[in-house]
Amino acid sequence: MQRNFTQLYLHCVWGTWNRLPLVTSDIQNIIYNAIAKQCRELGCTLIAIGGIENHVHLLTNFPPTLTISELIGKAKGSSSHLITHEIKPDSFFKWQGGYGAFTVSHQNIDQVANYIRNQAQHHSQKTLISDWET
């Protein structure tokens, strides 16, 4: 090949501090938009984002020059900073320290994206993929 070609997709999951219900309806879209903005700034294309009150799922492609920990750390950091410094400075908001990260094949992107977009439904019906939720 004369140039590099990569097709890297990542499904990330992280929770709120102690799994508290901190991603409330009034700030959910603000958080998701902050994460999406950070993804764009890092050269990633956001495919899907979703979650419930105590965790977030993110599906994105990413360049080979970016580490997984850098992507997730900056997505968590920028969204948390926005909430704690601008949107709700008098309220508690914090992400837990850890995360889950799973590679996704090109053939499974739609399946994973649908799972992420329908988080509320999956949690209410208990149709969860346990590795992705714990």
N, C-alpha and C. Protein backbone atom coordinates (compact mmCIF):
# COMPACT_ATOMS: atom_id res chain seq x y z
N MET A 1 0.84 -1.18 0.00
CA MET A 1 0.00 0.00 0.00
C MET A 1 0.88 1.24 0.00
N GLN A 2 0.44 2.22 -0.70
CA GLN A 2 1.19 3.47 -0.74
C GLN A 2 0.87 4.39 0.43
N ARG A 3 -0.28 4.17 1.04
CA ARG A 3 -0.64 4.99 2.20
C ARG A 3 -1.28 4.09 3.26
N ASN A 4 -1.36 4.60 4.45
CA ASN A 4 -1.95 3.83 5.54
C ASN A 4 -3.46 3.73 5.37
N PHE A 5 -4.00 2.62 5.75
CA PHE A 5 -5.44 2.43 5.78
C PHE A 5 -5.78 1.72 7.07
N THR A 6 -6.67 2.32 7.85
CA THR A 6 -7.13 1.68 9.07
C THR A 6 -8.65 1.76 9.12
N GLN A 7 -9.22 0.79 9.77
CA GLN A 7 -10.67 0.73 9.97
C GLN A 7 -10.87 0.25 11.41
N LEU A 8 -10.73 1.18 12.35
CA LEU A 8 -10.73 0.86 13.77
C LEU A 8 -12.00 1.42 14.42
N TYR A 9 -12.75 0.55 15.07
CA TYR A 9 -13.98 0.95 15.74
C TYR A 9 -13.90 0.50 17.19
N LEU A 10 -14.37 1.38 18.07
CA LEU A 10 -14.26 1.13 19.50
C LEU A 10 -15.58 1.42 20.19
N HIS A 11 -16.00 0.49 21.03
CA HIS A 11 -17.17 0.66 21.88
C HIS A 11 -16.64 0.86 23.30
N CYS A 12 -16.90 2.02 23.87
CA CYS A 12 -16.44 2.38 25.21
C CYS A 12 -17.63 2.51 26.15
N VAL A 13 -17.41 2.13 27.39
CA VAL A 13 -18.44 2.26 28.42
C VAL A 13 -17.77 2.76 29.69
N TRP A 14 -18.39 3.75 30.33
CA TRP A 14 -17.91 4.18 31.64
C TRP A 14 -19.08 4.67 32.46
N GLY A 15 -18.90 4.62 33.77
CA GLY A 15 -19.99 4.96 34.67
C GLY A 15 -19.73 6.21 35.47
N THR A 16 -20.78 6.64 36.12
CA THR A 16 -20.68 7.76 37.04
C THR A 16 -20.07 7.27 38.35
N TRP A 17 -19.64 8.21 39.15
CA TRP A 17 -19.03 7.90 40.44
C TRP A 17 -19.97 7.04 41.28
N ASN A 18 -19.50 5.88 41.70
CA ASN A 18 -20.29 4.94 42.50
C ASN A 18 -21.63 4.58 41.85
N ARG A 19 -21.69 4.74 40.55
CA ARG A 19 -22.91 4.45 39.77
C ARG A 19 -24.12 5.26 40.26
N LEU A 20 -23.83 6.46 40.72
CA LEU A 20 -24.91 7.36 41.14
C LEU A 20 -25.66 7.85 39.90
N PRO A 21 -26.94 8.16 39.99
CA PRO A 21 -27.73 8.63 38.84
C PRO A 21 -27.45 10.11 38.54
N LEU A 22 -26.26 10.40 38.04
CA LEU A 22 -25.82 11.78 37.84
C LEU A 22 -26.09 12.32 36.45
N VAL A 23 -26.30 11.44 35.47
CA VAL A 23 -26.57 11.89 34.10
C VAL A 23 -28.08 12.09 33.99
N THR A 24 -28.53 13.19 34.54
CA THR A 24 -29.96 13.49 34.58
C THR A 24 -30.43 14.03 33.23
N SER A 25 -31.73 14.00 33.04
CA SER A 25 -32.29 14.39 31.74
C SER A 25 -31.95 15.83 31.36
N ASP A 26 -31.76 16.71 32.35
CA ASP A 26 -31.46 18.11 32.03
C ASP A 26 -30.04 18.32 31.53
N ILE A 27 -29.14 17.38 31.78
CA ILE A 27 -27.75 17.53 31.32
C ILE A 27 -27.30 16.42 30.38
N GLN A 28 -28.14 15.44 30.13
CA GLN A 28 -27.72 14.31 29.30
C GLN A 28 -27.23 14.75 27.92
N ASN A 29 -28.01 15.54 27.21
CA ASN A 29 -27.59 15.98 25.87
C ASN A 29 -26.37 16.89 25.91
N ILE A 30 -26.24 17.67 26.96
CA ILE A 30 -25.05 18.52 27.12
C ILE A 30 -23.80 17.65 27.24
N ILE A 31 -23.91 16.60 28.05
CA ILE A 31 -22.79 15.66 28.22
C ILE A 31 -22.47 14.98 26.90
N TYR A 32 -23.50 14.47 26.23
CA TYR A 32 -23.28 13.77 24.96
C TYR A 32 -22.65 14.70 23.92
N ASN A 33 -23.09 15.94 23.87
CA ASN A 33 -22.53 16.90 22.91
C ASN A 33 -21.07 17.23 23.24
N ALA A 34 -20.75 17.32 24.52
CA ALA A 34 -19.36 17.57 24.92
C ALA A 34 -18.46 16.40 24.53
N ILE A 35 -18.96 15.18 24.70
CA ILE A 35 -18.20 13.99 24.31
C ILE A 35 -18.02 13.96 22.79
N ALA A 36 -19.10 14.25 22.07
CA ALA A 36 -19.03 14.28 20.60
C ALA A 36 -18.02 15.32 20.11
N LYS A 37 -18.04 16.49 20.73
CA LYS A 37 -17.09 17.54 20.35
C LYS A 37 -15.65 17.09 20.59
N GLN A 38 -15.42 16.46 21.72
CA GLN A 38 -14.06 15.99 22.02
C GLN A 38 -13.63 14.91 21.02
N CYS A 39 -14.54 14.03 20.65
CA CYS A 39 -14.23 13.01 19.64
C CYS A 39 -13.80 13.66 18.33
N ARG A 40 -14.55 14.66 17.88
CA ARG A 40 -14.19 15.36 16.64
C ARG A 40 -12.81 16.00 16.74
N GLU A 41 -12.54 16.64 17.87
CA GLU A 41 -11.25 17.30 18.06
C GLU A 41 -10.09 16.31 18.05
N LEU A 42 -10.36 15.06 18.42
CA LEU A 42 -9.33 14.03 18.43
C LEU A 42 -9.23 13.28 17.10
N GLY A 43 -10.05 13.65 16.14
CA GLY A 43 -10.02 13.00 14.84
C GLY A 43 -10.86 11.75 14.73
N CYS A 44 -11.80 11.60 15.64
CA CYS A 44 -12.70 10.44 15.64
C CYS A 44 -14.04 10.82 15.01
N THR A 45 -14.72 9.83 14.49
CA THR A 45 -16.08 10.03 14.01
C THR A 45 -17.03 9.32 14.96
N LEU A 46 -17.89 10.08 15.58
CA LEU A 46 -18.87 9.50 16.49
C LEU A 46 -19.91 8.73 15.69
N ILE A 47 -20.15 7.50 16.07
CA ILE A 47 -21.15 6.67 15.41
C ILE A 47 -22.42 6.60 16.25
N ALA A 48 -22.26 6.41 17.57
CA ALA A 48 -23.42 6.35 18.46
C ALA A 48 -22.99 6.71 19.87
N ILE A 49 -23.91 7.32 20.60
CA ILE A 49 -23.71 7.60 22.01
C ILE A 49 -25.05 7.41 22.69
N GLY A 50 -25.01 6.86 23.88
CA GLY A 50 -26.25 6.62 24.64
C GLY A 50 -25.91 6.16 26.04
N GLY A 51 -26.93 5.97 26.80
CA GLY A 51 -26.73 5.51 28.17
C GLY A 51 -27.96 5.75 29.00
N ILE A 52 -27.76 5.63 30.29
CA ILE A 52 -28.81 5.94 31.25
C ILE A 52 -28.19 6.81 32.33
N GLU A 53 -28.87 6.95 33.44
CA GLU A 53 -28.46 7.90 34.48
C GLU A 53 -27.08 7.62 35.08
N ASN A 54 -26.62 6.37 35.00
CA ASN A 54 -25.38 6.04 35.69
C ASN A 54 -24.24 5.56 34.80
N HIS A 55 -24.42 5.60 33.49
CA HIS A 55 -23.30 5.25 32.61
C HIS A 55 -23.55 5.69 31.17
N VAL A 56 -22.46 5.70 30.41
CA VAL A 56 -22.47 6.15 29.01
C VAL A 56 -21.81 5.08 28.14
N HIS A 57 -22.38 4.88 26.96
CA HIS A 57 -21.78 4.05 25.92
C HIS A 57 -21.39 4.96 24.76
N LEU A 58 -20.26 4.68 24.15
CA LEU A 58 -19.78 5.46 23.03
C LEU A 58 -19.26 4.50 21.96
N LEU A 59 -19.68 4.70 20.72
CA LEU A 59 -19.15 3.94 19.59
C LEU A 59 -18.54 4.94 18.63
N THR A 60 -17.28 4.75 18.32
CA THR A 60 -16.57 5.68 17.45
C THR A 60 -15.51 4.94 16.66
N ASN A 61 -15.12 5.54 15.54
CA ASN A 61 -13.89 5.08 14.92
C ASN A 61 -12.78 5.94 15.50
N PHE A 62 -11.55 5.51 15.32
CA PHE A 62 -10.46 6.32 15.85
C PHE A 62 -9.19 6.11 15.04
N PRO A 63 -8.36 7.14 14.98
CA PRO A 63 -7.12 7.04 14.22
C PRO A 63 -6.09 6.21 14.98
N PRO A 64 -5.16 5.59 14.27
CA PRO A 64 -4.17 4.74 14.94
C PRO A 64 -3.17 5.52 15.79
N THR A 65 -3.14 6.82 15.65
CA THR A 65 -2.23 7.64 16.45
C THR A 65 -2.79 7.97 17.83
N LEU A 66 -4.04 7.63 18.06
CA LEU A 66 -4.72 7.94 19.32
C LEU A 66 -4.82 6.69 20.18
N THR A 67 -4.47 6.81 21.45
CA THR A 67 -4.62 5.66 22.34
C THR A 67 -6.04 5.62 22.89
N ILE A 68 -6.46 4.45 23.28
CA ILE A 68 -7.79 4.27 23.86
C ILE A 68 -7.90 5.09 25.15
N SER A 69 -6.89 5.02 25.99
CA SER A 69 -6.96 5.76 27.26
C SER A 69 -7.00 7.27 27.04
N GLU A 70 -6.34 7.75 25.99
CA GLU A 70 -6.40 9.18 25.70
C GLU A 70 -7.80 9.58 25.24
N LEU A 71 -8.39 8.80 24.36
CA LEU A 71 -9.74 9.07 23.88
C LEU A 71 -10.73 9.12 25.03
N ILE A 72 -10.75 8.08 25.85
CA ILE A 72 -11.72 8.02 26.93
C ILE A 72 -11.42 9.06 28.00
N GLY A 73 -10.15 9.24 28.34
CA GLY A 73 -9.78 10.23 29.35
C GLY A 73 -10.20 11.64 28.96
N LYS A 74 -9.99 11.99 27.70
CA LYS A 74 -10.37 13.33 27.26
C LYS A 74 -11.88 13.48 27.12
N ALA A 75 -12.57 12.43 26.71
CA ALA A 75 -14.04 12.49 26.62
C ALA A 75 -14.65 12.64 28.01
N LYS A 76 -14.16 11.87 28.95
CA LYS A 76 -14.65 11.99 30.33
C LYS A 76 -14.27 13.34 30.93
N GLY A 77 -13.02 13.74 30.73
CA GLY A 77 -12.55 14.99 31.32
C GLY A 77 -13.26 16.21 30.80
N SER A 78 -13.45 16.30 29.50
CA SER A 78 -14.09 17.49 28.94
C SER A 78 -15.55 17.59 29.35
N SER A 79 -16.25 16.46 29.38
CA SER A 79 -17.67 16.49 29.77
C SER A 79 -17.82 16.80 31.26
N SER A 80 -16.98 16.21 32.07
CA SER A 80 -17.04 16.47 33.51
C SER A 80 -16.68 17.92 33.82
N HIS A 81 -15.66 18.44 33.17
CA HIS A 81 -15.26 19.82 33.39
C HIS A 81 -16.38 20.78 33.01
N LEU A 82 -17.03 20.54 31.89
CA LEU A 82 -18.13 21.39 31.45
C LEU A 82 -19.25 21.42 32.49
N ILE A 83 -19.64 20.25 32.97
CA ILE A 83 -20.74 20.18 33.95
C ILE A 83 -20.34 20.85 35.26
N THR A 84 -19.16 20.53 35.78
CA THR A 84 -18.77 21.04 37.11
C THR A 84 -18.33 22.49 37.13
N HIS A 85 -17.94 23.03 35.98
CA HIS A 85 -17.45 24.42 35.96
C HIS A 85 -18.40 25.41 35.30
N GLU A 86 -19.28 24.92 34.41
CA GLU A 86 -20.13 25.86 33.69
C GLU A 86 -21.63 25.58 33.86
N ILE A 87 -22.04 24.34 33.74
CA ILE A 87 -23.46 24.02 33.71
C ILE A 87 -24.07 23.92 35.11
N LYS A 88 -23.41 23.17 35.99
CA LYS A 88 -23.91 22.97 37.35
C LYS A 88 -22.75 23.06 38.34
N PRO A 89 -22.16 24.22 38.50
CA PRO A 89 -20.98 24.33 39.36
C PRO A 89 -21.25 24.04 40.83
N ASP A 90 -22.49 24.12 41.26
CA ASP A 90 -22.81 23.86 42.66
C ASP A 90 -23.30 22.44 42.91
N SER A 91 -23.27 21.59 41.89
CA SER A 91 -23.74 20.21 42.02
C SER A 91 -22.57 19.25 41.89
N PHE A 92 -22.74 18.05 42.46
CA PHE A 92 -21.73 17.02 42.36
C PHE A 92 -21.88 16.28 41.04
N PHE A 93 -20.79 16.16 40.32
CA PHE A 93 -20.75 15.33 39.11
C PHE A 93 -19.34 14.79 38.95
N LYS A 94 -19.24 13.48 38.76
CA LYS A 94 -17.92 12.87 38.60
C LYS A 94 -18.08 11.51 37.91
N TRP A 95 -17.16 11.20 37.01
CA TRP A 95 -17.11 9.88 36.40
C TRP A 95 -16.27 8.96 37.27
N GLN A 96 -16.54 7.66 37.22
CA GLN A 96 -15.67 6.70 37.91
C GLN A 96 -14.33 6.65 37.19
N GLY A 97 -13.33 6.09 37.82
CA GLY A 97 -12.00 6.08 37.24
C GLY A 97 -11.82 5.12 36.08
N GLY A 98 -12.50 4.00 36.10
CA GLY A 98 -12.29 2.97 35.09
C GLY A 98 -13.21 3.10 33.89
N TYR A 99 -13.03 2.17 32.96
CA TYR A 99 -13.85 2.12 31.76
C TYR A 99 -13.75 0.73 31.15
N GLY A 100 -14.65 0.45 30.23
CA GLY A 100 -14.57 -0.75 29.41
C GLY A 100 -14.37 -0.31 27.97
N ALA A 101 -13.60 -1.07 27.21
CA ALA A 101 -13.37 -0.76 25.81
C ALA A 101 -13.34 -2.06 25.01
N PHE A 102 -14.09 -2.08 23.93
CA PHE A 102 -14.25 -3.28 23.12
C PHE A 102 -14.08 -2.91 21.65
N THR A 103 -13.27 -3.65 20.93
CA THR A 103 -13.18 -3.43 19.50
C THR A 103 -14.42 -3.98 18.83
N VAL A 104 -14.80 -3.37 17.73
CA VAL A 104 -16.00 -3.77 16.99
C VAL A 104 -15.62 -3.96 15.53
N SER A 105 -16.07 -5.06 14.95
CA SER A 105 -15.80 -5.28 13.53
C SER A 105 -16.75 -4.42 12.70
N HIS A 106 -16.33 -4.12 11.50
CA HIS A 106 -17.14 -3.29 10.60
C HIS A 106 -18.53 -3.91 10.40
N GLN A 107 -18.62 -5.22 10.34
CA GLN A 107 -19.90 -5.91 10.13
C GLN A 107 -20.86 -5.75 11.30
N ASN A 108 -20.36 -5.44 12.49
CA ASN A 108 -21.21 -5.35 13.68
C ASN A 108 -21.53 -3.93 14.12
N ILE A 109 -21.13 -2.94 13.34
CA ILE A 109 -21.33 -1.55 13.74
C ILE A 109 -22.81 -1.24 13.96
N ASP A 110 -23.68 -1.61 13.04
CA ASP A 110 -25.10 -1.30 13.17
C ASP A 110 -25.71 -1.95 14.40
N GLN A 111 -25.35 -3.19 14.66
CA GLN A 111 -25.87 -3.91 15.83
C GLN A 111 -25.46 -3.21 17.13
N VAL A 112 -24.20 -2.87 17.24
CA VAL A 112 -23.71 -2.20 18.44
C VAL A 112 -24.30 -0.80 18.56
N ALA A 113 -24.38 -0.07 17.46
CA ALA A 113 -24.96 1.28 17.49
C ALA A 113 -26.41 1.24 17.95
N ASN A 114 -27.18 0.27 17.47
CA ASN A 114 -28.58 0.14 17.90
C ASN A 114 -28.67 -0.19 19.38
N TYR A 115 -27.79 -1.04 19.87
CA TYR A 115 -27.76 -1.36 21.29
C TYR A 115 -27.49 -0.10 22.11
N ILE A 116 -26.56 0.71 21.66
CA ILE A 116 -26.20 1.94 22.38
C ILE A 116 -27.34 2.95 22.35
N ARG A 117 -27.94 3.14 21.20
CA ARG A 117 -29.02 4.13 21.07
C ARG A 117 -30.27 3.76 21.85
N ASN A 118 -30.43 2.48 22.18
CA ASN A 118 -31.64 2.00 22.87
C ASN A 118 -31.34 1.55 24.30
N GLN A 119 -30.43 2.25 24.95
CA GLN A 119 -30.04 1.88 26.31
C GLN A 119 -31.21 1.86 27.30
N ALA A 120 -32.04 2.87 27.28
CA ALA A 120 -33.16 2.92 28.24
C ALA A 120 -34.05 1.70 28.07
N GLN A 121 -34.34 1.35 26.85
CA GLN A 121 -35.19 0.19 26.56
C GLN A 121 -34.52 -1.10 27.03
N HIS A 122 -33.24 -1.28 26.74
CA HIS A 122 -32.53 -2.49 27.15
C HIS A 122 -32.51 -2.63 28.67
N HIS A 123 -32.32 -1.52 29.36
CA HIS A 123 -32.28 -1.59 30.82
C HIS A 123 -33.66 -1.86 31.41
N SER A 124 -34.69 -1.30 30.82
CA SER A 124 -36.04 -1.55 31.35
C SER A 124 -36.49 -2.97 31.07
N GLN A 125 -36.05 -3.54 29.95
CA GLN A 125 -36.46 -4.91 29.57
C GLN A 125 -35.44 -5.96 30.02
N LYS A 126 -34.35 -5.50 30.61
CA LYS A 126 -33.28 -6.40 31.06
C LYS A 126 -32.70 -7.24 29.92
N THR A 127 -32.59 -6.63 28.73
CA THR A 127 -31.98 -7.30 27.58
C THR A 127 -30.58 -6.72 27.38
N LEU A 128 -29.74 -6.92 28.37
CA LEU A 128 -28.42 -6.32 28.40
C LEU A 128 -27.35 -7.31 27.97
N ILE A 129 -26.28 -6.81 27.45
CA ILE A 129 -25.10 -7.62 27.18
C ILE A 129 -24.17 -7.40 28.37
N SER A 130 -24.07 -8.40 29.23
CA SER A 130 -23.45 -8.20 30.55
C SER A 130 -22.02 -7.69 30.49
N ASP A 131 -21.21 -8.17 29.56
CA ASP A 131 -19.83 -7.68 29.48
C ASP A 131 -19.76 -6.19 29.23
N TRP A 132 -20.75 -5.65 28.55
CA TRP A 132 -20.77 -4.23 28.20
C TRP A 132 -21.34 -3.38 29.32
N GLU A 133 -21.98 -3.98 30.29
CA GLU A 133 -22.70 -3.21 31.31
C GLU A 133 -22.04 -3.24 32.68
N THR A 134 -21.08 -4.12 32.93
CA THR A 134 -20.53 -4.22 34.28
C THR A 134 -19.24 -3.52 34.48
